[in-house]
Amino acid sequence: MTEALKTLVPHLTLVSSSQAQQSELQDLRFAPPSVLHLRDGEVIVYRRPNTPVWQCRFKRQDGSWHRQTTKQASIENAVRVACEMYDEARFRQRLGLAQKCPDFTEIAHTTLQELRRDLDAGIGKSVYYTYITCIEKYFLPYFQDKRIEEITHTDVREFEVWRNRQMMKVPKASTLNNFASAWSKIQEIAVNKGWISEKVAIPKLSTRGLKSQPRAAFSREEIEKLFAYMERWAKEGRLEVEREIRPLVRDYVEMLLLTGMRHGTEALGIQWNNIEWHTDKGIRYLRIWVNGKTGGRWLIAKHRAVDVLKRLHSRQKAVYDIPFERLFETRVPHKIFVLPDGHQPQRIDGTFKKLLRDSGFLKNGDGQSRTLYSLRHTYATFELLENKTDIHTLSKQMGNSAAMIERHYSKLTATMAADKLA
């Protein structure tokens, strides 16, 4: 036996697989035995015939045995690796964790499955689509062969350099926040599955990026033109699916502009039983309960939103037999933004982008691309500049803090008070 092996395992019990090998042990010129018993026989390191790599089997705390390769050709390294695997298995079993944490690829695919399951069930957030892209396009190709608990700070920093090269730009802070959230989601799944302990310190992704530019909004004139265009556009479409989804997108766009609600989970989750009439000082208002990023809240829709709801009601098989005036009283638990058969498209932003492209409103005068979020930004701009709505009232309507409204719309609030400041 080599001196290095004696030093590494001082109380090693040696068992050979043949009498010939036992005699060979008397002479140190020969190779070590093919079977080694460690840790009072609870760890066994062995080598199969004609195989250069050592294997091991060890006893778990519950008495069962586990087999695994050490991937080592050196006996000294094989003994060290086998003992480390034994210690880790005992430690994980005491904490009630899985015996072996899957590699990053398996954890990432499990995360993707859960994200898609939530989206299919209608309980997932629209930002989950962004998380899926982060995982599939960036995390998986880079970390696929690693174990999540072995990822170091250096690994994460090198990934960020690689990611920025792949994107061919320095990401904005909002983009980095999405990457960080997707990264946290993967860790959350690993903890929930018992693959790693919540005490395992995994380096975080940086969220320091370029400052986001103001969102591209619409002017009042552009909105009126868009409304007129959508009325014609919704009745067109070569394919049947286009003739079904275009009216829905028209109603969706108008409702976002008439309420300021968030697109995605908040808007798509609204049901008919979330809408009611609210009377104040003899005037009847349309009140809608929404639930999303910042929790649930009531918001007041513009009077014009009634026409949107009437169009939605007239197309849906589940509710069009109920008179519209009685619809809110019946408390029907069906979603409002659905196709005639009750199916809700997973994503609306693709059709919305085509709408903007066809209508010529895809970009503003500065070349910035508009998105569904531009509708919410437009609503806030109109309320502050045209309707002179105070910040605290607007924050309750939109589900944001007053500080956030003031931070993002500080230039507008100064303009709004120009008559007082001049």
Protein backbone atom coordinates (compact mmCIF):
# COMPACT_ATOMS: atom_id res chain seq x y z
CA MET A 1 0.00 0.00 0.00
CA THR A 2 1.35 3.48 -0.81
CA GLU A 3 2.31 5.83 2.01
CA ALA A 4 -0.14 8.42 0.63
CA LEU A 5 -3.02 5.95 0.97
CA LYS A 6 -1.95 4.99 4.51
CA THR A 7 -1.90 8.66 5.50
CA LEU A 8 -5.29 9.32 3.89
CA VAL A 9 -7.05 6.37 5.54
CA PRO A 10 -5.08 5.22 8.62
CA HIS A 11 -7.55 2.51 9.69
CA LEU A 12 -8.16 1.00 6.27
CA THR A 13 -9.27 -2.64 6.04
CA LEU A 14 -8.11 -4.31 2.83
CA VAL A 15 -9.96 -7.14 1.17
CA SER A 16 -8.77 -8.55 -2.17
CA SER A 17 -10.89 -10.32 -4.71
CA SER A 18 -8.51 -13.30 -5.05
CA GLN A 19 -5.88 -15.23 -3.13
CA ALA A 20 -3.34 -14.25 -5.75
CA GLN A 21 -3.91 -10.59 -5.07
CA GLN A 22 -3.55 -11.16 -1.31
CA SER A 23 -0.10 -12.57 -1.81
CA GLU A 24 0.76 -9.66 -4.06
CA LEU A 25 0.02 -7.26 -1.19
CA GLN A 26 3.11 -8.50 0.56
CA ASP A 27 5.18 -6.81 -2.09
CA LEU A 28 4.64 -3.05 -2.52
CA ARG A 29 5.74 -3.30 -6.13
CA PHE A 30 2.28 -4.65 -6.98
CA ALA A 31 -0.94 -2.63 -7.45
CA PRO A 32 -3.34 -2.04 -4.52
CA PRO A 33 -6.21 -4.51 -3.97
CA SER A 34 -9.37 -4.39 -6.07
CA VAL A 35 -11.65 -3.94 -3.02
CA LEU A 36 -11.20 -1.54 -0.09
CA HIS A 37 -13.42 -1.37 3.01
CA LEU A 38 -13.61 2.06 4.70
CA ARG A 39 -15.51 3.61 7.59
CA ASP A 40 -16.01 0.33 9.48
CA GLY A 41 -17.17 -1.38 6.29
CA GLU A 42 -19.88 1.18 5.46
CA VAL A 43 -17.94 2.46 2.44
CA ILE A 44 -16.56 0.03 -0.14
CA VAL A 45 -14.29 1.12 -2.98
CA TYR A 46 -13.70 -1.41 -5.74
CA ARG A 47 -12.56 -1.72 -9.33
CA ARG A 48 -14.10 -3.98 -11.92
CA PRO A 49 -11.85 -6.07 -14.19
CA ASN A 50 -10.48 -4.21 -17.22
CA THR A 51 -11.82 -0.88 -15.90
CA PRO A 52 -9.44 1.94 -14.92
CA VAL A 53 -11.99 3.90 -12.85
CA TRP A 54 -12.83 3.03 -9.24
CA GLN A 55 -16.42 2.48 -8.13
CA CYS A 56 -17.92 2.73 -4.65
CA ARG A 57 -20.92 1.63 -2.67
CA PHE A 58 -21.88 3.00 0.73
CA LYS A 59 -24.53 2.40 3.37
CA ARG A 60 -27.14 5.07 3.91
CA GLN A 61 -28.47 5.98 7.34
CA ASP A 62 -31.60 3.88 6.73
CA GLY A 63 -29.46 0.78 6.03
CA SER A 64 -29.87 0.76 2.25
CA TRP A 65 -26.85 0.68 -0.05
CA HIS A 66 -26.05 3.13 -2.85
CA ARG A 67 -23.71 2.50 -5.80
CA GLN A 68 -21.85 5.25 -7.64
CA THR A 69 -18.71 5.77 -9.66
CA THR A 70 -15.91 7.88 -8.20
CA LYS A 71 -14.73 8.76 -11.74
CA GLN A 72 -11.18 8.44 -10.39
CA ALA A 73 -8.38 6.21 -11.69
CA SER A 74 -6.11 7.01 -8.74
CA ILE A 75 -6.85 4.98 -5.59
CA GLU A 76 -5.99 7.93 -3.33
CA ASN A 77 -8.47 10.20 -5.13
CA ALA A 78 -11.08 7.44 -5.29
CA VAL A 79 -10.94 6.94 -1.50
CA ARG A 80 -11.28 10.69 -0.91
CA VAL A 81 -14.24 11.03 -3.30
CA ALA A 82 -16.01 7.95 -1.89
CA CYS A 83 -15.74 9.26 1.68
CA GLU A 84 -17.01 12.69 0.60
CA MET A 85 -20.03 11.11 -1.11
CA TYR A 86 -20.74 9.02 1.99
CA ASP A 87 -20.55 12.06 4.29
CA GLU A 88 -22.75 14.14 1.99
CA ALA A 89 -25.36 11.37 1.71
CA ARG A 90 -25.55 11.03 5.50
CA PHE A 91 -25.79 14.81 5.90
CA ARG A 92 -28.56 15.12 3.29
CA GLN A 93 -30.49 12.24 4.84
CA ARG A 94 -30.38 13.87 8.27
CA LEU A 95 -31.84 17.08 6.76
CA GLY A 96 -34.53 15.16 4.89
CA LEU A 97 -33.14 16.16 1.49
CA ALA A 98 -32.89 14.14 -1.69
CA GLN A 99 -29.85 11.86 -1.68
CA LYS A 100 -28.42 13.55 -4.75
CA CYS A 101 -29.19 16.97 -6.17
CA PRO A 102 -29.90 16.75 -9.91
CA ASP A 103 -27.68 18.74 -12.23
CA PHE A 104 -28.67 22.21 -13.40
CA THR A 105 -30.30 20.90 -16.57
CA GLU A 106 -32.85 18.78 -14.70
CA ILE A 107 -33.67 21.56 -12.22
CA ALA A 108 -34.07 24.06 -15.07
CA HIS A 109 -36.40 21.75 -17.02
CA THR A 110 -38.48 21.14 -13.90
CA THR A 111 -38.76 24.91 -13.44
CA LEU A 112 -39.85 25.33 -17.05
CA GLN A 113 -42.54 22.67 -16.60
CA GLU A 114 -43.93 24.41 -13.51
CA LEU A 115 -43.93 27.83 -15.18
CA ARG A 116 -45.79 26.47 -18.22
CA ARG A 117 -48.21 24.54 -15.99
CA ASP A 118 -49.13 27.72 -14.11
CA LEU A 119 -49.57 29.61 -17.38
CA ASP A 120 -51.82 26.88 -18.78
CA ALA A 121 -53.88 26.90 -15.57
CA GLY A 122 -54.35 30.65 -15.81
CA ILE A 123 -52.54 31.34 -12.53
CA GLY A 124 -49.16 32.21 -14.00
CA LYS A 125 -47.96 35.79 -14.44
CA SER A 126 -47.29 37.16 -17.91
CA VAL A 127 -43.67 37.74 -16.89
CA TYR A 128 -43.29 33.94 -16.73
CA TYR A 129 -42.86 34.00 -20.52
CA THR A 130 -39.80 36.19 -20.00
CA TYR A 131 -38.48 33.81 -17.32
CA ILE A 132 -38.86 30.92 -19.77
CA THR A 133 -36.80 32.79 -22.36
CA CYS A 134 -34.07 33.57 -19.80
CA ILE A 135 -33.85 29.91 -18.79
CA GLU A 136 -34.00 28.36 -22.27
CA LYS A 137 -31.84 30.83 -24.15
CA TYR A 138 -29.25 31.73 -21.53
CA PHE A 139 -29.17 29.68 -18.29
CA LEU A 140 -29.45 26.21 -19.82
CA PRO A 141 -26.75 26.58 -22.51
CA TYR A 142 -24.27 28.01 -20.00
CA PHE A 143 -24.86 26.08 -16.75
CA GLN A 144 -26.18 22.79 -18.17
CA ASP A 145 -23.44 20.50 -16.79
CA LYS A 146 -23.03 22.12 -13.39
CA ARG A 147 -24.58 21.29 -10.03
CA ILE A 148 -26.46 24.28 -8.72
CA GLU A 149 -24.92 24.18 -5.24
CA GLU A 150 -21.42 24.26 -6.78
CA ILE A 151 -21.98 27.45 -8.80
CA THR A 152 -19.59 30.13 -7.57
CA HIS A 153 -19.54 33.91 -7.64
CA THR A 154 -16.95 33.72 -10.41
CA ASP A 155 -19.22 31.41 -12.45
CA VAL A 156 -22.06 33.94 -12.21
CA ARG A 157 -19.89 36.93 -13.16
CA GLU A 158 -18.47 35.03 -16.15
CA PHE A 159 -22.01 34.08 -17.18
CA GLU A 160 -23.05 37.72 -17.13
CA VAL A 161 -20.17 38.64 -19.44
CA TRP A 162 -21.15 35.79 -21.79
CA ARG A 163 -24.84 36.74 -21.70
CA ASN A 164 -24.13 40.37 -22.58
CA ARG A 165 -22.04 39.23 -25.54
CA GLN A 166 -24.87 36.99 -26.70
CA MET A 167 -27.32 39.89 -26.39
CA MET A 168 -24.79 42.21 -28.08
CA LYS A 169 -25.68 45.00 -25.65
CA VAL A 170 -25.55 46.02 -22.02
CA PRO A 171 -28.99 45.07 -20.62
CA LYS A 172 -31.22 47.61 -18.91
CA ALA A 173 -31.97 47.33 -15.22
CA SER A 174 -35.50 46.05 -15.94
CA THR A 175 -34.08 43.23 -18.10
CA LEU A 176 -31.58 42.29 -15.39
CA ASN A 177 -34.40 42.20 -12.82
CA ASN A 178 -36.15 39.60 -14.99
CA PHE A 179 -32.96 37.51 -15.19
CA ALA A 180 -32.54 37.74 -11.41
CA SER A 181 -36.16 36.70 -10.83
CA ALA A 182 -35.84 33.73 -13.21
CA TRP A 183 -32.62 32.72 -11.41
CA SER A 184 -34.41 32.91 -8.04
CA LYS A 185 -37.26 30.81 -9.44
CA ILE A 186 -34.85 28.00 -10.30
CA GLN A 187 -33.43 28.07 -6.76
CA GLU A 188 -36.95 28.13 -5.30
CA ILE A 189 -37.90 24.99 -7.23
CA ALA A 190 -34.71 23.22 -6.08
CA VAL A 191 -35.47 24.05 -2.44
CA ASN A 192 -39.15 23.07 -2.71
CA LYS A 193 -38.20 19.72 -4.23
CA GLY A 194 -35.75 19.06 -1.40
CA TRP A 195 -32.78 18.99 -3.75
CA ILE A 196 -30.91 21.71 -1.89
CA SER A 197 -31.27 23.33 1.50
CA GLU A 198 -32.52 26.90 1.70
CA LYS A 199 -29.33 27.57 3.66
CA VAL A 200 -27.18 26.85 0.59
CA ALA A 201 -25.69 30.18 -0.49
CA ILE A 202 -26.01 30.51 -4.26
CA PRO A 203 -24.56 33.71 -5.79
CA LYS A 204 -27.12 36.20 -7.06
CA LEU A 205 -27.20 37.83 -10.46
CA SER A 206 -26.47 41.53 -10.71
CA THR A 207 -29.41 43.89 -11.28
CA ARG A 208 -27.30 46.96 -12.01
CA GLY A 209 -27.84 47.91 -15.64
CA LEU A 210 -28.56 50.84 -17.90
CA LYS A 211 -31.26 53.16 -16.67
CA SER A 212 -34.53 52.44 -18.43
CA GLN A 213 -35.82 55.01 -20.88
CA PRO A 214 -39.35 56.42 -20.49
CA ARG A 215 -41.97 54.19 -22.09
CA ALA A 216 -43.28 55.15 -25.51
CA ALA A 217 -46.80 56.49 -25.02
CA PHE A 218 -49.53 57.55 -27.46
CA SER A 219 -50.80 61.07 -27.99
CA ARG A 220 -54.52 61.84 -27.76
CA GLU A 221 -54.70 62.19 -31.54
CA GLU A 222 -52.93 58.83 -32.05
CA ILE A 223 -55.31 57.09 -29.66
CA GLU A 224 -58.38 58.38 -31.49
CA LYS A 225 -56.89 57.23 -34.79
CA LEU A 226 -56.03 53.84 -33.29
CA PHE A 227 -59.60 53.41 -31.99
CA ALA A 228 -61.01 54.19 -35.44
CA TYR A 229 -58.55 51.85 -37.14
CA MET A 230 -59.29 48.98 -34.73
CA GLU A 231 -63.02 49.21 -35.46
CA ARG A 232 -62.34 48.34 -39.11
CA TRP A 233 -59.40 46.02 -38.39
CA ALA A 234 -61.42 43.85 -35.96
CA LYS A 235 -63.90 42.94 -38.72
CA GLU A 236 -61.20 41.84 -41.14
CA GLY A 237 -58.87 38.85 -41.24
CA ARG A 238 -58.37 36.12 -43.81
CA LEU A 239 -58.29 33.20 -41.37
CA GLU A 240 -61.03 32.22 -38.94
CA VAL A 241 -58.66 32.49 -35.98
CA GLU A 242 -57.88 36.08 -36.99
CA ARG A 243 -61.57 36.93 -37.21
CA GLU A 244 -61.98 35.62 -33.65
CA ILE A 245 -58.93 37.10 -31.96
CA ARG A 246 -58.95 40.55 -33.54
CA PRO A 247 -62.21 41.68 -31.86
CA LEU A 248 -60.84 40.36 -28.56
CA VAL A 249 -57.59 42.30 -28.97
CA ARG A 250 -59.54 45.45 -29.82
CA ASP A 251 -61.58 45.14 -26.62
CA TYR A 252 -58.47 44.29 -24.58
CA VAL A 253 -56.59 47.37 -25.86
CA GLU A 254 -59.51 49.71 -25.22
CA MET A 255 -60.06 48.35 -21.70
CA LEU A 256 -56.40 48.88 -20.80
CA LEU A 257 -56.58 52.46 -22.05
CA LEU A 258 -59.84 53.11 -20.21
CA THR A 259 -58.74 51.74 -16.83
CA GLY A 260 -54.92 51.84 -16.56
CA MET A 261 -54.86 48.21 -15.36
CA ARG A 262 -51.80 46.06 -15.98
CA HIS A 263 -51.82 43.82 -19.02
CA GLY A 264 -51.26 40.12 -18.46
CA THR A 265 -52.30 38.45 -15.21
CA GLU A 266 -54.20 41.45 -13.86
CA ALA A 267 -56.33 42.04 -16.95
CA LEU A 268 -56.66 38.47 -18.21
CA GLY A 269 -57.79 37.25 -14.78
CA ILE A 270 -60.91 39.45 -14.65
CA GLN A 271 -64.22 37.55 -14.49
CA TRP A 272 -67.77 38.84 -14.93
CA ASN A 273 -68.32 38.47 -11.19
CA ASN A 274 -65.45 40.94 -10.61
CA ILE A 275 -67.49 43.78 -12.16
CA GLU A 276 -70.26 45.79 -10.54
CA TRP A 277 -72.05 49.11 -10.65
CA HIS A 278 -71.09 51.69 -8.07
CA THR A 279 -73.31 54.73 -7.44
CA ASP A 280 -71.95 57.91 -5.90
CA LYS A 281 -73.93 61.19 -5.65
CA GLY A 282 -76.50 59.87 -8.07
CA ILE A 283 -73.95 58.92 -10.76
CA ARG A 284 -73.40 55.30 -11.70
CA TYR A 285 -69.81 54.13 -12.23
CA LEU A 286 -68.33 50.87 -13.47
CA ARG A 287 -66.17 49.31 -10.77
CA ILE A 288 -63.80 46.39 -11.48
CA TRP A 289 -61.88 44.20 -9.04
CA VAL A 290 -58.41 43.26 -10.29
CA ASN A 291 -55.75 41.13 -8.68
CA GLY A 292 -52.14 40.97 -9.81
CA LYS A 293 -48.63 42.13 -9.08
CA THR A 294 -49.47 44.29 -6.05
CA GLY A 295 -52.50 42.39 -4.78
CA GLY A 296 -56.20 43.06 -5.23
CA ARG A 297 -57.89 46.46 -5.60
CA TRP A 298 -61.00 48.13 -6.97
CA LEU A 299 -60.59 50.50 -9.91
CA ILE A 300 -63.05 52.77 -11.70
CA ALA A 301 -63.36 52.41 -15.47
CA LYS A 302 -64.16 55.22 -17.88
CA HIS A 303 -67.83 55.31 -18.89
CA ARG A 304 -66.79 54.29 -22.42
CA ALA A 305 -65.71 50.89 -21.02
CA VAL A 306 -69.38 49.84 -20.87
CA ASP A 307 -69.40 49.60 -24.68
CA VAL A 308 -66.35 47.31 -24.52
CA LEU A 309 -68.09 45.00 -22.04
CA LYS A 310 -71.23 44.90 -24.18
CA ARG A 311 -69.19 43.74 -27.18
CA LEU A 312 -67.46 41.06 -25.10
CA HIS A 313 -70.82 39.91 -23.70
CA SER A 314 -72.40 39.65 -27.16
CA ARG A 315 -69.70 37.26 -28.46
CA GLN A 316 -69.41 34.81 -25.56
CA LYS A 317 -71.54 31.68 -25.63
CA ALA A 318 -71.33 31.24 -21.85
CA VAL A 319 -73.10 34.54 -21.06
CA TYR A 320 -74.89 36.02 -24.08
CA ASP A 321 -78.22 34.47 -22.99
CA ILE A 322 -78.08 36.64 -19.85
CA PRO A 323 -79.31 40.23 -20.44
CA PHE A 324 -76.41 42.66 -20.08
CA GLU A 325 -78.22 44.72 -17.42
CA ARG A 326 -78.51 41.61 -15.27
CA LEU A 327 -75.05 40.22 -16.04
CA PHE A 328 -73.23 41.77 -13.08
CA GLU A 329 -75.97 40.70 -10.64
CA THR A 330 -75.73 37.02 -11.62
CA ARG A 331 -72.08 36.87 -10.53
CA VAL A 332 -71.02 34.60 -13.41
CA PRO A 333 -67.52 33.13 -12.72
CA HIS A 334 -66.33 33.28 -16.35
CA LYS A 335 -63.38 35.32 -17.60
CA ILE A 336 -64.23 38.30 -19.77
CA PHE A 337 -61.25 38.29 -22.15
CA VAL A 338 -61.93 35.02 -23.96
CA LEU A 339 -62.83 33.85 -27.45
CA PRO A 340 -66.48 32.93 -28.22
CA ASP A 341 -65.92 29.30 -27.11
CA GLY A 342 -64.54 30.43 -23.73
CA HIS A 343 -60.87 29.76 -24.54
CA GLN A 344 -58.39 32.42 -23.46
CA PRO A 345 -55.32 32.86 -25.69
CA GLN A 346 -52.07 32.45 -23.78
CA ARG A 347 -50.62 35.59 -25.32
CA ILE A 348 -52.12 38.66 -26.91
CA ASP A 349 -49.00 40.74 -27.41
CA GLY A 350 -48.15 39.09 -30.75
CA THR A 351 -51.45 40.13 -32.34
CA PHE A 352 -51.14 43.56 -30.68
CA LYS A 353 -47.72 44.05 -32.28
CA LYS A 354 -49.19 43.20 -35.69
CA LEU A 355 -51.99 45.70 -35.03
CA LEU A 356 -49.47 48.47 -34.31
CA ARG A 357 -47.40 47.51 -37.34
CA ASP A 358 -50.44 47.54 -39.66
CA SER A 359 -51.76 50.82 -38.24
CA GLY A 360 -48.38 52.56 -38.37
CA PHE A 361 -48.14 53.09 -34.61
CA LEU A 362 -45.44 50.52 -33.81
CA LYS A 363 -42.89 53.25 -33.00
CA ASN A 364 -43.22 56.77 -31.69
CA GLY A 365 -41.57 59.86 -33.18
CA ASP A 366 -38.28 59.09 -31.38
CA GLY A 367 -38.10 55.58 -32.82
CA GLN A 368 -39.06 53.82 -29.58
CA SER A 369 -41.12 50.65 -29.97
CA ARG A 370 -44.50 50.58 -28.30
CA THR A 371 -45.74 47.58 -26.29
CA LEU A 372 -48.86 46.70 -24.33
CA TYR A 373 -47.31 48.53 -21.37
CA SER A 374 -47.45 51.72 -23.46
CA LEU A 375 -51.24 51.68 -22.96
CA ARG A 376 -50.87 51.87 -19.17
CA HIS A 377 -48.25 54.61 -19.54
CA THR A 378 -50.60 56.51 -21.83
CA TYR A 379 -53.43 56.23 -19.29
CA ALA A 380 -51.23 57.67 -16.52
CA THR A 381 -50.06 60.50 -18.79
CA PHE A 382 -53.62 61.50 -19.74
CA GLU A 383 -54.79 61.39 -16.11
CA LEU A 384 -51.95 63.62 -14.92
CA LEU A 385 -51.86 66.11 -17.80
CA GLU A 386 -55.44 66.30 -19.06
CA ASN A 387 -57.64 65.26 -16.14
CA LYS A 388 -55.38 66.80 -13.45
CA THR A 389 -55.79 63.67 -11.30
CA ASP A 390 -53.74 63.92 -8.11
CA ILE A 391 -50.91 61.44 -7.60
CA HIS A 392 -52.42 59.68 -4.57
CA THR A 393 -55.71 58.96 -6.36
CA LEU A 394 -53.85 57.73 -9.44
CA SER A 395 -51.63 55.46 -7.32
CA LYS A 396 -54.71 53.74 -5.85
CA GLN A 397 -56.27 53.33 -9.29
CA MET A 398 -53.12 51.87 -10.86
CA GLY A 399 -51.88 49.84 -7.90
CA ASN A 400 -48.57 51.69 -7.55
CA SER A 401 -47.14 53.70 -4.71
CA ALA A 402 -47.44 57.48 -4.87
CA ALA A 403 -43.62 57.64 -4.68
CA MET A 404 -43.30 55.42 -7.76
CA ILE A 405 -45.81 57.53 -9.71
CA GLU A 406 -43.95 60.69 -8.79
CA ARG A 407 -40.57 59.14 -9.63
CA HIS A 408 -41.63 57.97 -13.09
CA TYR A 409 -43.81 60.92 -13.98
CA SER A 410 -41.99 63.76 -12.23
CA LYS A 411 -41.68 65.75 -15.46
CA LEU A 412 -45.40 65.43 -16.06
CA THR A 413 -46.34 66.48 -12.54
CA ALA A 414 -44.31 69.67 -12.97
CA THR A 415 -46.06 70.35 -16.28
CA MET A 416 -49.42 69.65 -14.66
CA ALA A 417 -48.76 72.39 -12.11
CA ALA A 418 -47.42 74.86 -14.69
CA ASP A 419 -50.37 77.22 -14.23
CA LYS A 420 -49.51 77.44 -10.52
CA LEU A 421 -45.77 77.68 -11.03
CA ALA A 422 -45.70 80.25 -13.84
